[in-house]
Amino acid sequence: MFKILFYGLLLYFLYKLIFDLVVPATRMASQMKSNIREMQAKQQAAQADYEARQQQASQRPNQPQSNVSTGDYIDFEEVK
């Protein structure tokens, strides 16, 4: 009688352990892996875009910088 009760409780606790701890942990791990892959793909796309822009900028002829002066800076003085 106690043997059957003991095995029943043992099976119940194993069931609870597996489906309350192990299964959610494996789901979370697989979800984290997919999120990491997605973030890495976005990072690689951003890096490729950055490199393409840098390459286009280096191929463009250098345009002379215009030296337009915005004027002299005048300090504000309070007049009484």
PDB file of N, CA and C in Angstrom:
ATOM      1  N   MET A   1       0.822  -1.186   0.000  1.00  0.00           N
ATOM      2  CA  MET A   1       0.000   0.000   0.000  1.00  0.00           C
ATOM      3  C   MET A   1       0.876   1.264   0.000  1.00  0.00           C
ATOM      4  N   PHE A   2       1.841   1.309   0.943  1.00  0.00           N
ATOM      5  CA  PHE A   2       2.722   2.468   1.007  1.00  0.00           C
ATOM      6  C   PHE A   2       3.646   2.536  -0.205  1.00  0.00           C
ATOM      7  N   LYS A   3       3.972   1.381  -0.740  1.00  0.00           N
ATOM      8  CA  LYS A   3       4.826   1.336  -1.921  1.00  0.00           C
ATOM      9  C   LYS A   3       4.119   1.994  -3.110  1.00  0.00           C
ATOM     10  N   ILE A   4       2.857   1.685  -3.280  1.00  0.00           N
ATOM     11  CA  ILE A   4       2.079   2.263  -4.387  1.00  0.00           C
ATOM     12  C   ILE A   4       1.930   3.768  -4.188  1.00  0.00           C
ATOM     13  N   LEU A   5       1.637   4.178  -2.955  1.00  0.00           N
ATOM     14  CA  LEU A   5       1.516   5.603  -2.646  1.00  0.00           C
ATOM     15  C   LEU A   5       2.848   6.327  -2.876  1.00  0.00           C
ATOM     16  N   PHE A   6       3.939   5.716  -2.465  1.00  0.00           N
ATOM     17  CA  PHE A   6       5.271   6.292  -2.652  1.00  0.00           C
ATOM     18  C   PHE A   6       5.592   6.452  -4.136  1.00  0.00           C
ATOM     19  N   TYR A   7       5.344   5.402  -4.934  1.00  0.00           N
ATOM     20  CA  TYR A   7       5.608   5.474  -6.373  1.00  0.00           C
ATOM     21  C   TYR A   7       4.680   6.482  -7.056  1.00  0.00           C
ATOM     22  N   GLY A   8       3.479   6.559  -6.607  1.00  0.00           N
ATOM     23  CA  GLY A   8       2.542   7.540  -7.165  1.00  0.00           C
ATOM     24  C   GLY A   8       3.015   8.961  -6.904  1.00  0.00           C
ATOM     25  N   LEU A   9       3.417   9.229  -5.647  1.00  0.00           N
ATOM     26  CA  LEU A   9       3.936  10.565  -5.330  1.00  0.00           C
ATOM     27  C   LEU A   9       5.234  10.856  -6.083  1.00  0.00           C
ATOM     28  N   LEU A  10       6.070   9.843  -6.208  1.00  0.00           N
ATOM     29  CA  LEU A  10       7.323  10.009  -6.946  1.00  0.00           C
ATOM     30  C   LEU A  10       7.041  10.357  -8.412  1.00  0.00           C
ATOM     31  N   LEU A  11       6.115   9.653  -9.022  1.00  0.00           N
ATOM     32  CA  LEU A  11       5.752   9.948 -10.414  1.00  0.00           C
ATOM     33  C   LEU A  11       5.144  11.345 -10.544  1.00  0.00           C
ATOM     34  N   TYR A  12       4.315  11.723  -9.569  1.00  0.00           N
ATOM     35  CA  TYR A  12       3.705  13.049  -9.599  1.00  0.00           C
ATOM     36  C   TYR A  12       4.771  14.148  -9.507  1.00  0.00           C
ATOM     37  N   PHE A  13       5.718  13.996  -8.597  1.00  0.00           N
ATOM     38  CA  PHE A  13       6.761  15.007  -8.451  1.00  0.00           C
ATOM     39  C   PHE A  13       7.689  15.046  -9.669  1.00  0.00           C
ATOM     40  N   LEU A  14       7.959  13.902 -10.258  1.00  0.00           N
ATOM     41  CA  LEU A  14       8.753  13.893 -11.488  1.00  0.00           C
ATOM     42  C   LEU A  14       8.010  14.593 -12.616  1.00  0.00           C
ATOM     43  N   TYR A  15       6.719  14.326 -12.716  1.00  0.00           N
ATOM     44  CA  TYR A  15       5.887  14.977 -13.727  1.00  0.00           C
ATOM     45  C   TYR A  15       5.914  16.502 -13.532  1.00  0.00           C
ATOM     46  N   LYS A  16       5.703  16.948 -12.289  1.00  0.00           N
ATOM     47  CA  LYS A  16       5.724  18.378 -11.992  1.00  0.00           C
ATOM     48  C   LYS A  16       7.097  18.989 -12.301  1.00  0.00           C
ATOM     49  N   LEU A  17       8.150  18.283 -11.944  1.00  0.00           N
ATOM     50  CA  LEU A  17       9.499  18.770 -12.200  1.00  0.00           C
ATOM     51  C   LEU A  17       9.738  18.943 -13.694  1.00  0.00           C
ATOM     52  N   ILE A  18       9.353  17.946 -14.450  1.00  0.00           N
ATOM     53  CA  ILE A  18       9.608  17.988 -15.892  1.00  0.00           C
ATOM     54  C   ILE A  18       8.783  19.079 -16.562  1.00  0.00           C
ATOM     55  N   PHE A  19       7.487  19.135 -16.276  1.00  0.00           N
ATOM     56  CA  PHE A  19       6.629  20.061 -17.005  1.00  0.00           C
ATOM     57  C   PHE A  19       6.568  21.463 -16.397  1.00  0.00           C
ATOM     58  N   ASP A  20       7.054  21.657 -15.193  1.00  0.00           N
ATOM     59  CA  ASP A  20       7.091  22.997 -14.614  1.00  0.00           C
ATOM     60  C   ASP A  20       8.478  23.620 -14.639  1.00  0.00           C
ATOM     61  N   LEU A  21       9.508  22.833 -14.830  1.00  0.00           N
ATOM     62  CA  LEU A  21      10.860  23.371 -14.805  1.00  0.00           C
ATOM     63  C   LEU A  21      11.625  23.085 -16.091  1.00  0.00           C
ATOM     64  N   VAL A  22      11.671  21.850 -16.505  1.00  0.00           N
ATOM     65  CA  VAL A  22      12.509  21.463 -17.646  1.00  0.00           C
ATOM     66  C   VAL A  22      11.943  21.974 -18.964  1.00  0.00           C
ATOM     67  N   VAL A  23      10.652  21.756 -19.201  1.00  0.00           N
ATOM     68  CA  VAL A  23      10.053  22.156 -20.474  1.00  0.00           C
ATOM     69  C   VAL A  23      10.093  23.677 -20.656  1.00  0.00           C
ATOM     70  N   PRO A  24       9.684  24.485 -19.656  1.00  0.00           N
ATOM     71  CA  PRO A  24       9.800  25.939 -19.854  1.00  0.00           C
ATOM     72  C   PRO A  24      11.244  26.413 -20.038  1.00  0.00           C
ATOM     73  N   ALA A  25      12.179  25.766 -19.371  1.00  0.00           N
ATOM     74  CA  ALA A  25      13.586  26.159 -19.522  1.00  0.00           C
ATOM     75  C   ALA A  25      14.075  25.885 -20.940  1.00  0.00           C
ATOM     76  N   THR A  26      13.699  24.771 -21.508  1.00  0.00           N
ATOM     77  CA  THR A  26      14.130  24.472 -22.879  1.00  0.00           C
ATOM     78  C   THR A  26      13.449  25.405 -23.871  1.00  0.00           C
ATOM     79  N   ARG A  27      12.185  25.744 -23.629  1.00  0.00           N
ATOM     80  CA  ARG A  27      11.497  26.695 -24.509  1.00  0.00           C
ATOM     81  C   ARG A  27      12.165  28.058 -24.438  1.00  0.00           C
ATOM     82  N   MET A  28      12.504  28.478 -23.241  1.00  0.00           N
ATOM     83  CA  MET A  28      13.150  29.779 -23.076  1.00  0.00           C
ATOM     84  C   MET A  28      14.524  29.777 -23.750  1.00  0.00           C
ATOM     85  N   ALA A  29      15.252  28.694 -23.628  1.00  0.00           N
ATOM     86  CA  ALA A  29      16.575  28.622 -24.249  1.00  0.00           C
ATOM     87  C   ALA A  29      16.469  28.692 -25.769  1.00  0.00           C
ATOM     88  N   SER A  30      15.497  27.989 -26.342  1.00  0.00           N
ATOM     89  CA  SER A  30      15.345  28.033 -27.798  1.00  0.00           C
ATOM     90  C   SER A  30      14.884  29.412 -28.251  1.00  0.00           C
ATOM     91  N   GLN A  31      14.038  30.066 -27.459  1.00  0.00           N
ATOM     92  CA  GLN A  31      13.591  31.412 -27.795  1.00  0.00           C
ATOM     93  C   GLN A  31      14.759  32.396 -27.719  1.00  0.00           C
ATOM     94  N   MET A  32      15.608  32.240 -26.717  1.00  0.00           N
ATOM     95  CA  MET A  32      16.776  33.115 -26.593  1.00  0.00           C
ATOM     96  C   MET A  32      17.727  32.918 -27.773  1.00  0.00           C
ATOM     97  N   LYS A  33      17.915  31.677 -28.197  1.00  0.00           N
ATOM     98  CA  LYS A  33      18.788  31.419 -29.344  1.00  0.00           C
ATOM     99  C   LYS A  33      18.244  32.088 -30.598  1.00  0.00           C
ATOM    100  N   SER A  34      16.928  31.989 -30.812  1.00  0.00           N
ATOM    101  CA  SER A  34      16.351  32.609 -31.999  1.00  0.00           C
ATOM    102  C   SER A  34      16.449  34.128 -31.920  1.00  0.00           C
ATOM    103  N   ASN A  35      16.271  34.706 -30.728  1.00  0.00           N
ATOM    104  CA  ASN A  35      16.424  36.154 -30.568  1.00  0.00           C
ATOM    105  C   ASN A  35      17.859  36.587 -30.827  1.00  0.00           C
ATOM    106  N   ILE A  36      18.829  35.808 -30.380  1.00  0.00           N
ATOM    107  CA  ILE A  36      20.231  36.130 -30.610  1.00  0.00           C
ATOM    108  C   ILE A  36      20.556  36.065 -32.092  1.00  0.00           C
ATOM    109  N   ARG A  37      20.041  35.034 -32.780  1.00  0.00           N
ATOM    110  CA  ARG A  37      20.274  34.938 -34.230  1.00  0.00           C
ATOM    111  C   ARG A  37      19.676  36.137 -34.959  1.00  0.00           C
ATOM    112  N   GLU A  38      18.476  36.542 -34.543  1.00  0.00           N
ATOM    113  CA  GLU A  38      17.818  37.682 -35.169  1.00  0.00           C
ATOM    114  C   GLU A  38      18.619  38.968 -34.939  1.00  0.00           C
ATOM    115  N   MET A  39      19.105  39.172 -33.731  1.00  0.00           N
ATOM    116  CA  MET A  39      19.903  40.359 -33.432  1.00  0.00           C
ATOM    117  C   MET A  39      21.214  40.351 -34.209  1.00  0.00           C
ATOM    118  N   GLN A  40      21.837  39.179 -34.344  1.00  0.00           N
ATOM    119  CA  GLN A  40      23.081  39.089 -35.113  1.00  0.00           C
ATOM    120  C   GLN A  40      22.836  39.394 -36.586  1.00  0.00           C
ATOM    121  N   ALA A  41      21.697  38.931 -37.115  1.00  0.00           N
ATOM    122  CA  ALA A  41      21.372  39.214 -38.515  1.00  0.00           C
ATOM    123  C   ALA A  41      21.162  40.715 -38.722  1.00  0.00           C
ATOM    124  N   LYS A  42      20.482  41.361 -37.774  1.00  0.00           N
ATOM    125  CA  LYS A  42      20.289  42.812 -37.868  1.00  0.00           C
ATOM    126  C   LYS A  42      21.623  43.542 -37.780  1.00  0.00           C
ATOM    127  N   GLN A  43      22.496  43.083 -36.901  1.00  0.00           N
ATOM    128  CA  GLN A  43      23.815  43.709 -36.749  1.00  0.00           C
ATOM    129  C   GLN A  43      24.632  43.566 -38.030  1.00  0.00           C
ATOM    130  N   GLN A  44      24.587  42.390 -38.639  1.00  0.00           N
ATOM    131  CA  GLN A  44      25.330  42.185 -39.877  1.00  0.00           C
ATOM    132  C   GLN A  44      24.771  43.050 -41.007  1.00  0.00           C
ATOM    133  N   ALA A  45      23.442  43.195 -41.053  1.00  0.00           N
ATOM    134  CA  ALA A  45      22.838  44.039 -42.076  1.00  0.00           C
ATOM    135  C   ALA A  45      23.237  45.495 -41.869  1.00  0.00           C
ATOM    136  N   ALA A  46      23.241  45.937 -40.615  1.00  0.00           N
ATOM    137  CA  ALA A  46      23.646  47.314 -40.321  1.00  0.00           C
ATOM    138  C   ALA A  46      25.114  47.520 -40.661  1.00  0.00           C
ATOM    139  N   GLN A  47      25.952  46.544 -40.374  1.00  0.00           N
ATOM    140  CA  GLN A  47      27.381  46.648 -40.688  1.00  0.00           C
ATOM    141  C   GLN A  47      27.595  46.709 -42.194  1.00  0.00           C
ATOM    142  N   ALA A  48      26.862  45.891 -42.944  1.00  0.00           N
ATOM    143  CA  ALA A  48      26.992  45.906 -44.399  1.00  0.00           C
ATOM    144  C   ALA A  48      26.526  47.246 -44.968  1.00  0.00           C
ATOM    145  N   ASP A  49      25.442  47.782 -44.417  1.00  0.00           N
ATOM    146  CA  ASP A  49      24.947  49.090 -44.855  1.00  0.00           C
ATOM    147  C   ASP A  49      25.973  50.183 -44.559  1.00  0.00           C
ATOM    148  N   TYR A  50      26.558  50.124 -43.377  1.00  0.00           N
ATOM    149  CA  TYR A  50      27.573  51.110 -42.994  1.00  0.00           C
ATOM    150  C   TYR A  50      28.782  51.034 -43.928  1.00  0.00           C
ATOM    151  N   GLU A  51      29.230  49.823 -44.207  1.00  0.00           N
ATOM    152  CA  GLU A  51      30.391  49.661 -45.092  1.00  0.00           C
ATOM    153  C   GLU A  51      30.073  50.141 -46.495  1.00  0.00           C
ATOM    154  N   ALA A  52      28.840  49.903 -46.980  1.00  0.00           N
ATOM    155  CA  ALA A  52      28.460  50.369 -48.311  1.00  0.00           C
ATOM    156  C   ALA A  52      28.454  51.891 -48.352  1.00  0.00           C
ATOM    157  N   ARG A  53      27.953  52.526 -47.297  1.00  0.00           N
ATOM    158  CA  ARG A  53      27.952  53.987 -47.261  1.00  0.00           C
ATOM    159  C   ARG A  53      29.367  54.545 -47.207  1.00  0.00           C
ATOM    160  N   GLN A  54      30.235  53.892 -46.434  1.00  0.00           N
ATOM    161  CA  GLN A  54      31.617  54.347 -46.350  1.00  0.00           C
ATOM    162  C   GLN A  54      32.307  54.203 -47.703  1.00  0.00           C
ATOM    163  N   GLN A  55      31.997  53.133 -48.408  1.00  0.00           N
ATOM    164  CA  GLN A  55      32.598  52.904 -49.714  1.00  0.00           C
ATOM    165  C   GLN A  55      32.102  53.950 -50.708  1.00  0.00           C
ATOM    166  N   GLN A  56      30.816  54.280 -50.647  1.00  0.00           N
ATOM    167  CA  GLN A  56      30.283  55.312 -51.536  1.00  0.00           C
ATOM    168  C   GLN A  56      30.891  56.663 -51.216  1.00  0.00           C
ATOM    169  N   ALA A  57      31.084  56.949 -49.945  1.00  0.00           N
ATOM    170  CA  ALA A  57      31.668  58.235 -49.552  1.00  0.00           C
ATOM    171  C   ALA A  57      33.122  58.340 -50.011  1.00  0.00           C
ATOM    172  N   SER A  58      33.841  57.244 -49.989  1.00  0.00           N
ATOM    173  CA  SER A  58      35.243  57.291 -50.411  1.00  0.00           C
ATOM    174  C   SER A  58      35.366  57.386 -51.929  1.00  0.00           C
ATOM    175  N   GLN A  59      34.361  56.928 -52.662  1.00  0.00           N
ATOM    176  CA  GLN A  59      34.402  57.001 -54.118  1.00  0.00           C
ATOM    177  C   GLN A  59      33.968  58.368 -54.628  1.00  0.00           C
ATOM    178  N   ARG A  60      33.215  59.103 -53.846  1.00  0.00           N
ATOM    179  CA  ARG A  60      32.776  60.442 -54.230  1.00  0.00           C
ATOM    180  C   ARG A  60      33.972  61.390 -54.254  1.00  0.00           C
ATOM    181  N   PRO A  61      34.059  62.253 -55.251  1.00  0.00           N
ATOM    182  CA  PRO A  61      35.181  63.202 -55.257  1.00  0.00           C
ATOM    183  C   PRO A  61      35.027  64.177 -54.094  1.00  0.00           C
ATOM    184  N   ASN A  62      36.166  64.538 -53.553  1.00  0.00           N
ATOM    185  CA  ASN A  62      36.145  65.472 -52.429  1.00  0.00           C
ATOM    186  C   ASN A  62      35.692  66.839 -52.907  1.00  0.00           C
ATOM    187  N   GLN A  63      34.642  67.335 -52.298  1.00  0.00           N
ATOM    188  CA  GLN A  63      34.147  68.661 -52.639  1.00  0.00           C
ATOM    189  C   GLN A  63      34.821  69.662 -51.710  1.00  0.00           C
ATOM    190  N   PRO A  64      35.219  70.773 -52.264  1.00  0.00           N
ATOM    191  CA  PRO A  64      35.891  71.758 -51.411  1.00  0.00           C
ATOM    192  C   PRO A  64      34.919  72.296 -50.360  1.00  0.00           C
ATOM    193  N   GLN A  65      35.448  72.476 -49.198  1.00  0.00           N
ATOM    194  CA  GLN A  65      34.653  73.014 -48.103  1.00  0.00           C
ATOM    195  C   GLN A  65      34.535  74.521 -48.303  1.00  0.00           C
ATOM    196  N   SER A  66      33.327  75.031 -48.206  1.00  0.00           N
ATOM    197  CA  SER A  66      33.159  76.477 -48.329  1.00  0.00           C
ATOM    198  C   SER A  66      33.454  77.112 -46.974  1.00  0.00           C
ATOM    199  N   ASN A  67      34.233  78.133 -46.993  1.00  0.00           N
ATOM    200  CA  ASN A  67      34.625  78.819 -45.773  1.00  0.00           C
ATOM    201  C   ASN A  67      33.724  80.025 -45.545  1.00  0.00           C
ATOM    202  N   VAL A  68      32.474  79.773 -45.345  1.00  0.00           N
ATOM    203  CA  VAL A  68      31.526  80.857 -45.109  1.00  0.00           C
ATOM    204  C   VAL A  68      31.603  81.221 -43.648  1.00  0.00           C
ATOM    205  N   SER A  69      31.916  82.456 -43.396  1.00  0.00           N
ATOM    206  CA  SER A  69      32.017  82.926 -42.024  1.00  0.00           C
ATOM    207  C   SER A  69      30.635  83.332 -41.540  1.00  0.00           C
ATOM    208  N   THR A  70      30.317  82.952 -40.337  1.00  0.00           N
ATOM    209  CA  THR A  70      29.020  83.315 -39.781  1.00  0.00           C
ATOM    210  C   THR A  70      29.087  84.670 -39.104  1.00  0.00           C
ATOM    211  N   GLY A  71      30.188  85.301 -39.102  1.00  0.00           N
ATOM    212  CA  GLY A  71      30.336  86.616 -38.500  1.00  0.00           C
ATOM    213  C   GLY A  71      31.049  86.516 -37.178  1.00  0.00           C
ATOM    214  N   ASP A  72      31.366  87.678 -36.660  1.00  0.00           N
ATOM    215  CA  ASP A  72      32.059  87.716 -35.379  1.00  0.00           C
ATOM    216  C   ASP A  72      31.057  87.544 -34.249  1.00  0.00           C
ATOM    217  N   TYR A  73      31.524  86.987 -33.189  1.00  0.00           N
ATOM    218  CA  TYR A  73      30.691  86.800 -32.012  1.00  0.00           C
ATOM    219  C   TYR A  73      30.770  88.055 -31.166  1.00  0.00           C
ATOM    220  N   ILE A  74      29.617  88.580 -30.823  1.00  0.00           N
ATOM    221  CA  ILE A  74      29.576  89.784 -29.998  1.00  0.00           C
ATOM    222  C   ILE A  74      28.984  89.406 -28.655  1.00  0.00           C
ATOM    223  N   ASP A  75      29.714  89.733 -27.599  1.00  0.00           N
ATOM    224  CA  ASP A  75      29.212  89.438 -26.263  1.00  0.00           C
ATOM    225  C   ASP A  75      28.024  90.321 -25.951  1.00  0.00           C
ATOM    226  N   PHE A  76      27.089  89.756 -25.226  1.00  0.00           N
ATOM    227  CA  PHE A  76      25.924  90.497 -24.803  1.00  0.00           C
ATOM    228  C   PHE A  76      26.284  91.293 -23.559  1.00  0.00           C
ATOM    229  N   GLU A  77      25.992  92.579 -23.612  1.00  0.00           N
ATOM    230  CA  GLU A  77      26.222  93.423 -22.455  1.00  0.00           C
ATOM    231  C   GLU A  77      24.906  94.056 -22.074  1.00  0.00           C
ATOM    232  N   GLU A  78      24.617  93.994 -20.802  1.00  0.00           N
ATOM    233  CA  GLU A  78      23.372  94.566 -20.338  1.00  0.00           C
ATOM    234  C   GLU A  78      23.508  96.089 -20.265  1.00  0.00           C
ATOM    235  N   VAL A  79      22.549  96.780 -20.846  1.00  0.00           N
ATOM    236  CA  VAL A  79      22.562  98.232 -20.861  1.00  0.00           C
ATOM    237  C   VAL A  79      21.572  98.711 -19.805  1.00  0.00           C
ATOM    238  N   LYS A  80      22.034  99.683 -18.948  1.00  0.00           N
ATOM    239  CA  LYS A  80      21.148 100.193 -17.902  1.00  0.00           C
ATOM    240  C   LYS A  80      20.562 101.505 -18.276  1.00  0.00           C
TER     241      LYS A  80
END
